[in-house]
Amino acid sequence: MTTLPSSTQKKLGLVIDLDTCVGCHACVISCKGWNTENYGAPLSDQEAYGANPSGTFLNRVHSYEVQPLATSDKVQPAAQLFHFPKSCLHCEDAPCVTVCPTGASYKRVEDGIVLVNESDCIGCGLCAWACPYGAREMDAKEGVMKKCTLCVDRIYNDNLPEEDRQPACVRTCPAGARHFGDFADPDSAVSRLTAERGGVDLMPEQGTKPVNKYLPPRPKDQLDSAEHIDILAPYLEPVADTPKGFIGWLDKALEKI
């Protein structure tokens, strides 16, 4: 079994802003595209156009509708939809690494990224069983375990422009909800963002010490129903009592039908 390093020189990871994510799945598509063409075995799909399609993804977005608690007997806040991206969190105490019987799963000393040496992976699935976040997926075609690599073949690629040397999901996100950097540096953008916005670990009770952080949604302004009516009233008034122009002609034509 693989031994985790006592410490790493860097702690590369992601900050994901749950207040900003719009659930567009651009990160999912860009991740699938980049990792199908580059690092390791392609991410395969099964019955892509059949009745029961399935496939391997390193990043997925789950959406949840949350009903906030009522602030009083008369005021019931509207339900809110939150989008929750999830991938490997590159934990400091990664159970997927220590459970691997062949040493295929390992954590890099130089940057803390958790990777899988696919040539040594026997597809036993123990790492998926050990991961409390469900962040590993078995590729049905290749029979090896797949996971987020933080685009290790991209972030160190000197052939790419400097602005492109970040994970594909971060580079693609249109809402700017994903941030990449070194958490070992307290002055890095991700460290400052986590401190300023109160970034949290996913399921800290598991004791895995995930490197990736989530920024909680900001409180939303709440208005009671009377305030809503007062604000919207001017916009609910009809523009004109009698339609004119093309709309007036169309209205008359439809009346004759």
C-alpha atoms as a PDB file:
ATOM      1  CA  MET A   1       0.000   0.000   0.000  1.00  0.00           C
ATOM      2  CA  THR A   2       1.068   3.574  -0.674  1.00  0.00           C
ATOM      3  CA  THR A   3       2.431   5.822   2.038  1.00  0.00           C
ATOM      4  CA  LEU A   4       1.405   9.464   2.122  1.00  0.00           C
ATOM      5  CA  PRO A   5       4.179  12.085   2.274  1.00  0.00           C
ATOM      6  CA  SER A   6       4.598  13.707   5.678  1.00  0.00           C
ATOM      7  CA  SER A   7       4.410  17.111   3.981  1.00  0.00           C
ATOM      8  CA  THR A   8       4.315  18.614   0.516  1.00  0.00           C
ATOM      9  CA  GLN A   9       6.168  21.606  -0.917  1.00  0.00           C
ATOM     10  CA  LYS A  10       2.932  23.080  -2.293  1.00  0.00           C
ATOM     11  CA  LYS A  11      -0.775  22.490  -1.756  1.00  0.00           C
ATOM     12  CA  LEU A  12      -2.296  23.066  -5.159  1.00  0.00           C
ATOM     13  CA  GLY A  13      -6.077  23.021  -5.212  1.00  0.00           C
ATOM     14  CA  LEU A  14      -9.314  24.761  -6.084  1.00  0.00           C
ATOM     15  CA  VAL A  15     -11.622  27.275  -4.451  1.00  0.00           C
ATOM     16  CA  ILE A  16     -15.204  26.889  -5.665  1.00  0.00           C
ATOM     17  CA  ASP A  17     -17.648  29.730  -5.089  1.00  0.00           C
ATOM     18  CA  LEU A  18     -21.121  28.283  -4.491  1.00  0.00           C
ATOM     19  CA  ASP A  19     -22.577  31.788  -4.573  1.00  0.00           C
ATOM     20  CA  THR A  20     -21.322  32.397  -8.121  1.00  0.00           C
ATOM     21  CA  CYS A  21     -21.700  28.987  -9.793  1.00  0.00           C
ATOM     22  CA  VAL A  22     -24.647  29.044 -12.209  1.00  0.00           C
ATOM     23  CA  GLY A  23     -24.669  25.306 -12.972  1.00  0.00           C
ATOM     24  CA  CYS A  24     -23.853  25.751 -16.668  1.00  0.00           C
ATOM     25  CA  HIS A  25     -21.663  22.585 -16.740  1.00  0.00           C
ATOM     26  CA  ALA A  26     -18.961  24.337 -18.785  1.00  0.00           C
ATOM     27  CA  CYS A  27     -16.406  22.967 -16.318  1.00  0.00           C
ATOM     28  CA  VAL A  28     -17.716  19.431 -16.850  1.00  0.00           C
ATOM     29  CA  ILE A  29     -17.464  19.660 -20.637  1.00  0.00           C
ATOM     30  CA  SER A  30     -14.023  21.288 -20.690  1.00  0.00           C
ATOM     31  CA  CYS A  31     -12.706  18.720 -18.205  1.00  0.00           C
ATOM     32  CA  LYS A  32     -14.061  15.849 -20.286  1.00  0.00           C
ATOM     33  CA  GLY A  33     -12.580  17.299 -23.458  1.00  0.00           C
ATOM     34  CA  TRP A  34      -9.115  17.997 -22.108  1.00  0.00           C
ATOM     35  CA  ASN A  35      -8.698  14.729 -20.222  1.00  0.00           C
ATOM     36  CA  THR A  36     -10.021  12.641 -23.098  1.00  0.00           C
ATOM     37  CA  GLU A  37      -7.331  14.001 -25.403  1.00  0.00           C
ATOM     38  CA  ASN A  38      -4.323  14.191 -23.091  1.00  0.00           C
ATOM     39  CA  TYR A  39      -3.375  12.644 -19.731  1.00  0.00           C
ATOM     40  CA  GLY A  40      -3.924   8.883 -19.362  1.00  0.00           C
ATOM     41  CA  ALA A  41      -6.541   6.739 -21.031  1.00  0.00           C
ATOM     42  CA  PRO A  42      -9.452   8.573 -22.720  1.00  0.00           C
ATOM     43  CA  LEU A  43     -12.633   9.088 -20.702  1.00  0.00           C
ATOM     44  CA  SER A  44     -14.950   6.635 -22.421  1.00  0.00           C
ATOM     45  CA  ASP A  45     -18.710   6.683 -22.898  1.00  0.00           C
ATOM     46  CA  GLN A  46     -21.020   3.673 -23.103  1.00  0.00           C
ATOM     47  CA  GLU A  47     -24.188   3.683 -25.183  1.00  0.00           C
ATOM     48  CA  ALA A  48     -23.824   7.425 -25.682  1.00  0.00           C
ATOM     49  CA  TYR A  49     -26.872   7.469 -27.971  1.00  0.00           C
ATOM     50  CA  GLY A  50     -28.664   4.467 -26.486  1.00  0.00           C
ATOM     51  CA  ALA A  51     -31.414   4.032 -23.946  1.00  0.00           C
ATOM     52  CA  ASN A  52     -29.042   3.911 -20.948  1.00  0.00           C
ATOM     53  CA  PRO A  53     -26.063   6.186 -21.649  1.00  0.00           C
ATOM     54  CA  SER A  54     -23.203   6.345 -19.156  1.00  0.00           C
ATOM     55  CA  GLY A  55     -19.705   7.696 -19.123  1.00  0.00           C
ATOM     56  CA  THR A  56     -16.652   8.630 -17.112  1.00  0.00           C
ATOM     57  CA  PHE A  57     -16.355  12.184 -15.801  1.00  0.00           C
ATOM     58  CA  LEU A  58     -13.740  13.697 -13.505  1.00  0.00           C
ATOM     59  CA  ASN A  59     -15.954  16.621 -12.547  1.00  0.00           C
ATOM     60  CA  ARG A  60     -19.701  16.690 -12.015  1.00  0.00           C
ATOM     61  CA  VAL A  61     -22.183  19.397 -10.988  1.00  0.00           C
ATOM     62  CA  HIS A  62     -25.095  18.535  -8.685  1.00  0.00           C
ATOM     63  CA  SER A  63     -28.008  20.938  -8.190  1.00  0.00           C
ATOM     64  CA  TYR A  64     -30.081  21.192  -5.026  1.00  0.00           C
ATOM     65  CA  GLU A  65     -33.177  23.231  -4.211  1.00  0.00           C
ATOM     66  CA  VAL A  66     -33.022  24.537  -0.647  1.00  0.00           C
ATOM     67  CA  GLN A  67     -35.947  25.957   1.315  1.00  0.00           C
ATOM     68  CA  PRO A  68     -34.631  28.499   3.871  1.00  0.00           C
ATOM     69  CA  LEU A  69     -36.253  28.590   7.283  1.00  0.00           C
ATOM     70  CA  ALA A  70     -39.065  31.089   7.755  1.00  0.00           C
ATOM     71  CA  THR A  71     -37.983  34.322   9.430  1.00  0.00           C
ATOM     72  CA  SER A  72     -41.412  34.770  11.048  1.00  0.00           C
ATOM     73  CA  ASP A  73     -44.901  33.300  11.024  1.00  0.00           C
ATOM     74  CA  LYS A  74     -45.853  35.453   8.037  1.00  0.00           C
ATOM     75  CA  VAL A  75     -42.677  35.459   5.963  1.00  0.00           C
ATOM     76  CA  GLN A  76     -41.534  32.319   4.126  1.00  0.00           C
ATOM     77  CA  PRO A  77     -38.399  32.952   2.025  1.00  0.00           C
ATOM     78  CA  ALA A  78     -38.475  31.658  -1.522  1.00  0.00           C
ATOM     79  CA  ALA A  79     -36.667  28.406  -2.278  1.00  0.00           C
ATOM     80  CA  GLN A  80     -33.172  28.808  -3.687  1.00  0.00           C
ATOM     81  CA  LEU A  81     -31.336  26.650  -6.221  1.00  0.00           C
ATOM     82  CA  PHE A  82     -27.678  25.915  -5.485  1.00  0.00           C
ATOM     83  CA  HIS A  83     -25.212  24.268  -7.863  1.00  0.00           C
ATOM     84  CA  PHE A  84     -22.534  22.106  -6.288  1.00  0.00           C
ATOM     85  CA  PRO A  85     -19.496  21.125  -8.423  1.00  0.00           C
ATOM     86  CA  LYS A  86     -17.597  18.109  -7.152  1.00  0.00           C
ATOM     87  CA  SER A  87     -14.312  16.480  -8.104  1.00  0.00           C
ATOM     88  CA  CYS A  88     -11.273  15.056  -6.300  1.00  0.00           C
ATOM     89  CA  LEU A  89     -10.335  17.320  -3.384  1.00  0.00           C
ATOM     90  CA  HIS A  90      -6.653  16.209  -3.259  1.00  0.00           C
ATOM     91  CA  CYS A  91      -6.860  15.549   0.468  1.00  0.00           C
ATOM     92  CA  GLU A  92      -3.816  15.881   2.694  1.00  0.00           C
ATOM     93  CA  ASP A  93      -4.762  12.633   4.448  1.00  0.00           C
ATOM     94  CA  ALA A  94      -6.101  10.877   1.351  1.00  0.00           C
ATOM     95  CA  PRO A  95      -7.610   7.461   2.214  1.00  0.00           C
ATOM     96  CA  CYS A  96      -7.723   6.540  -1.476  1.00  0.00           C
ATOM     97  CA  VAL A  97      -3.921   6.546  -1.494  1.00  0.00           C
ATOM     98  CA  THR A  98      -3.266   4.494   1.629  1.00  0.00           C
ATOM     99  CA  VAL A  99      -5.782   1.803   0.657  1.00  0.00           C
ATOM    100  CA  CYS A 100      -4.339   1.191  -2.835  1.00  0.00           C
ATOM    101  CA  PRO A 101      -2.797  -2.331  -2.918  1.00  0.00           C
ATOM    102  CA  THR A 102      -0.478  -1.687  -5.879  1.00  0.00           C
ATOM    103  CA  GLY A 103       0.725   1.846  -5.164  1.00  0.00           C
ATOM    104  CA  ALA A 104      -1.031   3.125  -8.280  1.00  0.00           C
ATOM    105  CA  SER A 105      -2.627   5.936  -6.282  1.00  0.00           C
ATOM    106  CA  TYR A 106      -0.126   8.385  -4.870  1.00  0.00           C
ATOM    107  CA  LYS A 107       0.247  11.962  -3.622  1.00  0.00           C
ATOM    108  CA  ARG A 108       3.018  14.059  -5.121  1.00  0.00           C
ATOM    109  CA  VAL A 109       5.539  15.620  -2.736  1.00  0.00           C
ATOM    110  CA  GLU A 110       6.233  18.621  -4.951  1.00  0.00           C
ATOM    111  CA  ASP A 111       2.671  19.962  -5.198  1.00  0.00           C
ATOM    112  CA  GLY A 112       0.300  17.712  -3.231  1.00  0.00           C
ATOM    113  CA  ILE A 113      -1.666  16.551  -6.292  1.00  0.00           C
ATOM    114  CA  VAL A 114      -3.186  13.074  -5.947  1.00  0.00           C
ATOM    115  CA  LEU A 115      -2.746  11.007  -9.109  1.00  0.00           C
ATOM    116  CA  VAL A 116      -3.212   7.464 -10.410  1.00  0.00           C
ATOM    117  CA  ASN A 117      -0.478   5.609 -12.275  1.00  0.00           C
ATOM    118  CA  GLU A 118      -2.826   3.848 -14.675  1.00  0.00           C
ATOM    119  CA  SER A 119      -0.207   1.290 -15.733  1.00  0.00           C
ATOM    120  CA  ASP A 120      -0.169  -0.023 -12.136  1.00  0.00           C
ATOM    121  CA  CYS A 121      -3.940   0.215 -11.530  1.00  0.00           C
ATOM    122  CA  ILE A 122      -5.674  -3.166 -11.463  1.00  0.00           C
ATOM    123  CA  GLY A 123      -9.176  -1.727 -11.268  1.00  0.00           C
ATOM    124  CA  CYS A 124      -9.964  -3.229  -7.868  1.00  0.00           C
ATOM    125  CA  GLY A 125     -12.044  -0.197  -6.864  1.00  0.00           C
ATOM    126  CA  LEU A 126     -10.730   0.017  -3.297  1.00  0.00           C
ATOM    127  CA  CYS A 127      -9.848   3.683  -3.704  1.00  0.00           C
ATOM    128  CA  ALA A 128     -13.404   4.481  -4.808  1.00  0.00           C
ATOM    129  CA  TRP A 129     -14.694   2.593  -1.784  1.00  0.00           C
ATOM    130  CA  ALA A 130     -12.365   4.561   0.537  1.00  0.00           C
ATOM    131  CA  CYS A 131     -13.123   8.011  -0.885  1.00  0.00           C
ATOM    132  CA  PRO A 132     -15.910   9.607   1.199  1.00  0.00           C
ATOM    133  CA  TYR A 133     -16.696  12.094  -1.573  1.00  0.00           C
ATOM    134  CA  GLY A 134     -17.392   9.694  -4.425  1.00  0.00           C
ATOM    135  CA  ALA A 135     -14.763  11.505  -6.464  1.00  0.00           C
ATOM    136  CA  ARG A 136     -13.313   8.487  -8.271  1.00  0.00           C
ATOM    137  CA  GLU A 137     -14.793   6.756 -11.296  1.00  0.00           C
ATOM    138  CA  MET A 138     -13.949   3.466 -12.943  1.00  0.00           C
ATOM    139  CA  ASP A 139     -13.572   3.733 -16.693  1.00  0.00           C
ATOM    140  CA  ALA A 140     -15.641   0.858 -18.048  1.00  0.00           C
ATOM    141  CA  LYS A 141     -13.620   0.535 -21.229  1.00  0.00           C
ATOM    142  CA  GLU A 142     -10.083   0.751 -19.867  1.00  0.00           C
ATOM    143  CA  GLY A 143     -10.770  -0.895 -16.494  1.00  0.00           C
ATOM    144  CA  VAL A 144      -8.725   1.688 -14.609  1.00  0.00           C
ATOM    145  CA  MET A 145      -9.642   4.265 -12.007  1.00  0.00           C
ATOM    146  CA  LYS A 146      -9.957   7.858 -13.157  1.00  0.00           C
ATOM    147  CA  LYS A 147      -9.930  11.074 -11.128  1.00  0.00           C
ATOM    148  CA  CYS A 148      -9.247  14.803 -11.328  1.00  0.00           C
ATOM    149  CA  THR A 149      -5.566  15.509 -11.968  1.00  0.00           C
ATOM    150  CA  LEU A 150      -5.818  19.306 -11.597  1.00  0.00           C
ATOM    151  CA  CYS A 151      -4.745  19.178 -15.256  1.00  0.00           C
ATOM    152  CA  VAL A 152      -1.168  18.390 -14.210  1.00  0.00           C
ATOM    153  CA  ASP A 153      -0.247  18.090 -17.880  1.00  0.00           C
ATOM    154  CA  ARG A 154      -1.561  21.603 -18.447  1.00  0.00           C
ATOM    155  CA  ILE A 155      -0.467  23.703 -15.471  1.00  0.00           C
ATOM    156  CA  TYR A 156       3.221  22.896 -16.070  1.00  0.00           C
ATOM    157  CA  ASN A 157       3.075  23.062 -19.880  1.00  0.00           C
ATOM    158  CA  ASP A 158       5.521  25.744 -21.049  1.00  0.00           C
ATOM    159  CA  ASN A 159       4.129  25.474 -24.579  1.00  0.00           C
ATOM    160  CA  LEU A 160       0.865  27.058 -23.413  1.00  0.00           C
ATOM    161  CA  PRO A 161       0.392  30.783 -22.814  1.00  0.00           C
ATOM    162  CA  GLU A 162       0.753  31.627 -19.132  1.00  0.00           C
ATOM    163  CA  GLU A 163      -2.945  32.443 -18.776  1.00  0.00           C
ATOM    164  CA  ASP A 164      -3.800  28.912 -19.952  1.00  0.00           C
ATOM    165  CA  ARG A 165      -1.597  27.163 -17.395  1.00  0.00           C
ATOM    166  CA  GLN A 166      -4.434  26.389 -15.049  1.00  0.00           C
ATOM    167  CA  PRO A 167      -7.003  23.584 -14.901  1.00  0.00           C
ATOM    168  CA  ALA A 168      -9.363  23.495 -17.867  1.00  0.00           C
ATOM    169  CA  CYS A 169     -12.383  23.886 -15.598  1.00  0.00           C
ATOM    170  CA  VAL A 170     -10.985  27.090 -14.103  1.00  0.00           C
ATOM    171  CA  ARG A 171     -10.001  28.532 -17.475  1.00  0.00           C
ATOM    172  CA  THR A 172     -13.448  27.782 -18.908  1.00  0.00           C
ATOM    173  CA  CYS A 173     -15.792  28.872 -16.091  1.00  0.00           C
ATOM    174  CA  PRO A 174     -17.791  31.835 -17.491  1.00  0.00           C
ATOM    175  CA  ALA A 175     -18.931  32.976 -14.040  1.00  0.00           C
ATOM    176  CA  GLY A 176     -15.485  33.028 -12.425  1.00  0.00           C
ATOM    177  CA  ALA A 177     -16.682  30.582  -9.769  1.00  0.00           C
ATOM    178  CA  ARG A 178     -13.520  28.452  -9.813  1.00  0.00           C
ATOM    179  CA  HIS A 179     -10.077  29.550  -8.620  1.00  0.00           C
ATOM    180  CA  PHE A 180      -6.746  27.683  -8.673  1.00  0.00           C
ATOM    181  CA  GLY A 181      -3.623  28.219  -6.631  1.00  0.00           C
ATOM    182  CA  ASP A 182      -1.289  27.199  -3.822  1.00  0.00           C
ATOM    183  CA  PHE A 183      -2.854  26.963  -0.366  1.00  0.00           C
ATOM    184  CA  ALA A 184       0.593  26.560   1.207  1.00  0.00           C
ATOM    185  CA  ASP A 185       1.199  30.217   0.382  1.00  0.00           C
ATOM    186  CA  PRO A 186      -0.858  32.373   2.786  1.00  0.00           C
ATOM    187  CA  ASP A 187      -0.582  35.312   0.376  1.00  0.00           C
ATOM    188  CA  SER A 188      -1.870  33.430  -2.661  1.00  0.00           C
ATOM    189  CA  ALA A 189      -5.177  34.457  -4.205  1.00  0.00           C
ATOM    190  CA  VAL A 190      -6.886  31.234  -3.113  1.00  0.00           C
ATOM    191  CA  SER A 191      -5.647  31.558   0.474  1.00  0.00           C
ATOM    192  CA  ARG A 192      -6.813  35.159   0.743  1.00  0.00           C
ATOM    193  CA  LEU A 193     -10.162  34.358  -0.874  1.00  0.00           C
ATOM    194  CA  THR A 194     -10.722  31.472   1.533  1.00  0.00           C
ATOM    195  CA  ALA A 195      -9.933  33.645   4.536  1.00  0.00           C
ATOM    196  CA  GLU A 196     -12.038  36.609   3.393  1.00  0.00           C
ATOM    197  CA  ARG A 197     -15.111  34.581   2.450  1.00  0.00           C
ATOM    198  CA  GLY A 198     -14.952  31.919   5.154  1.00  0.00           C
ATOM    199  CA  GLY A 199     -14.071  28.996   2.883  1.00  0.00           C
ATOM    200  CA  VAL A 200     -14.964  25.592   4.303  1.00  0.00           C
ATOM    201  CA  ASP A 201     -13.940  21.951   3.917  1.00  0.00           C
ATOM    202  CA  LEU A 202     -16.367  19.437   2.472  1.00  0.00           C
ATOM    203  CA  MET A 203     -17.395  16.965   5.185  1.00  0.00           C
ATOM    204  CA  PRO A 204     -14.596  17.902   7.646  1.00  0.00           C
ATOM    205  CA  GLU A 205     -15.793  15.213  10.037  1.00  0.00           C
ATOM    206  CA  GLN A 206     -14.190  12.626   7.733  1.00  0.00           C
ATOM    207  CA  GLY A 207     -10.738  13.836   8.792  1.00  0.00           C
ATOM    208  CA  THR A 208      -9.300  13.745   5.264  1.00  0.00           C
ATOM    209  CA  LYS A 209      -8.197  17.415   5.308  1.00  0.00           C
ATOM    210  CA  PRO A 210      -9.296  18.247   1.755  1.00  0.00           C
ATOM    211  CA  VAL A 211      -7.187  20.881   0.023  1.00  0.00           C
ATOM    212  CA  ASN A 212     -10.063  22.186  -2.107  1.00  0.00           C
ATOM    213  CA  LYS A 213     -12.312  24.717  -0.384  1.00  0.00           C
ATOM    214  CA  TYR A 214     -15.906  25.842  -0.926  1.00  0.00           C
ATOM    215  CA  LEU A 215     -17.114  29.393  -0.477  1.00  0.00           C
ATOM    216  CA  PRO A 216     -20.622  29.379   1.049  1.00  0.00           C
ATOM    217  CA  PRO A 217     -23.455  31.303  -0.636  1.00  0.00           C
ATOM    218  CA  ARG A 218     -23.885  34.876   0.552  1.00  0.00           C
ATOM    219  CA  PRO A 219     -27.105  35.750   2.433  1.00  0.00           C
ATOM    220  CA  LYS A 220     -29.845  36.845   0.047  1.00  0.00           C
ATOM    221  CA  ASP A 221     -31.984  39.924   0.655  1.00  0.00           C
ATOM    222  CA  GLN A 222     -35.515  38.982   1.697  1.00  0.00           C
ATOM    223  CA  LEU A 223     -38.730  40.923   1.078  1.00  0.00           C
ATOM    224  CA  ASP A 224     -42.170  40.097   2.388  1.00  0.00           C
ATOM    225  CA  SER A 225     -45.086  39.753  -0.028  1.00  0.00           C
ATOM    226  CA  ALA A 226     -46.374  43.320   0.577  1.00  0.00           C
ATOM    227  CA  GLU A 227     -42.992  44.814  -0.282  1.00  0.00           C
ATOM    228  CA  HIS A 228     -42.828  42.683  -3.428  1.00  0.00           C
ATOM    229  CA  ILE A 229     -46.225  43.997  -4.563  1.00  0.00           C
ATOM    230  CA  ASP A 230     -45.275  47.629  -3.898  1.00  0.00           C
ATOM    231  CA  ILE A 231     -42.056  47.297  -5.884  1.00  0.00           C
ATOM    232  CA  LEU A 232     -43.577  45.429  -8.822  1.00  0.00           C
ATOM    233  CA  ALA A 233     -46.843  47.424  -9.042  1.00  0.00           C
ATOM    234  CA  PRO A 234     -45.584  50.039 -11.533  1.00  0.00           C
ATOM    235  CA  TYR A 235     -44.395  47.295 -13.868  1.00  0.00           C
ATOM    236  CA  LEU A 236     -47.678  45.410 -13.762  1.00  0.00           C
ATOM    237  CA  GLU A 237     -49.728  48.267 -15.196  1.00  0.00           C
ATOM    238  CA  PRO A 238     -50.729  47.817 -18.875  1.00  0.00           C
ATOM    239  CA  VAL A 239     -48.661  49.842 -21.320  1.00  0.00           C
ATOM    240  CA  ALA A 240     -51.795  51.005 -23.225  1.00  0.00           C
ATOM    241  CA  ASP A 241     -55.533  50.417 -22.953  1.00  0.00           C
ATOM    242  CA  THR A 242     -55.881  49.851 -26.701  1.00  0.00           C
ATOM    243  CA  PRO A 243     -53.203  48.033 -28.726  1.00  0.00           C
ATOM    244  CA  LYS A 244     -51.793  50.020 -31.629  1.00  0.00           C
ATOM    245  CA  GLY A 245     -49.670  49.334 -34.681  1.00  0.00           C
ATOM    246  CA  PHE A 246     -48.901  45.752 -35.614  1.00  0.00           C
ATOM    247  CA  ILE A 247     -50.068  44.447 -32.240  1.00  0.00           C
ATOM    248  CA  GLY A 248     -53.397  46.237 -32.699  1.00  0.00           C
ATOM    249  CA  TRP A 249     -53.839  44.748 -36.177  1.00  0.00           C
ATOM    250  CA  LEU A 250     -52.913  41.271 -34.907  1.00  0.00           C
ATOM    251  CA  ASP A 251     -55.354  41.596 -32.022  1.00  0.00           C
ATOM    252  CA  LYS A 252     -58.200  42.464 -34.395  1.00  0.00           C
ATOM    253  CA  ALA A 253     -57.270  39.657 -36.778  1.00  0.00           C
ATOM    254  CA  LEU A 254     -57.295  37.089 -33.999  1.00  0.00           C
ATOM    255  CA  GLU A 255     -60.701  38.278 -32.794  1.00  0.00           C
ATOM    256  CA  LYS A 256     -62.185  37.365 -36.193  1.00  0.00           C
ATOM    257  CA  ILE A 257     -60.951  33.772 -36.024  1.00  0.00           C
END
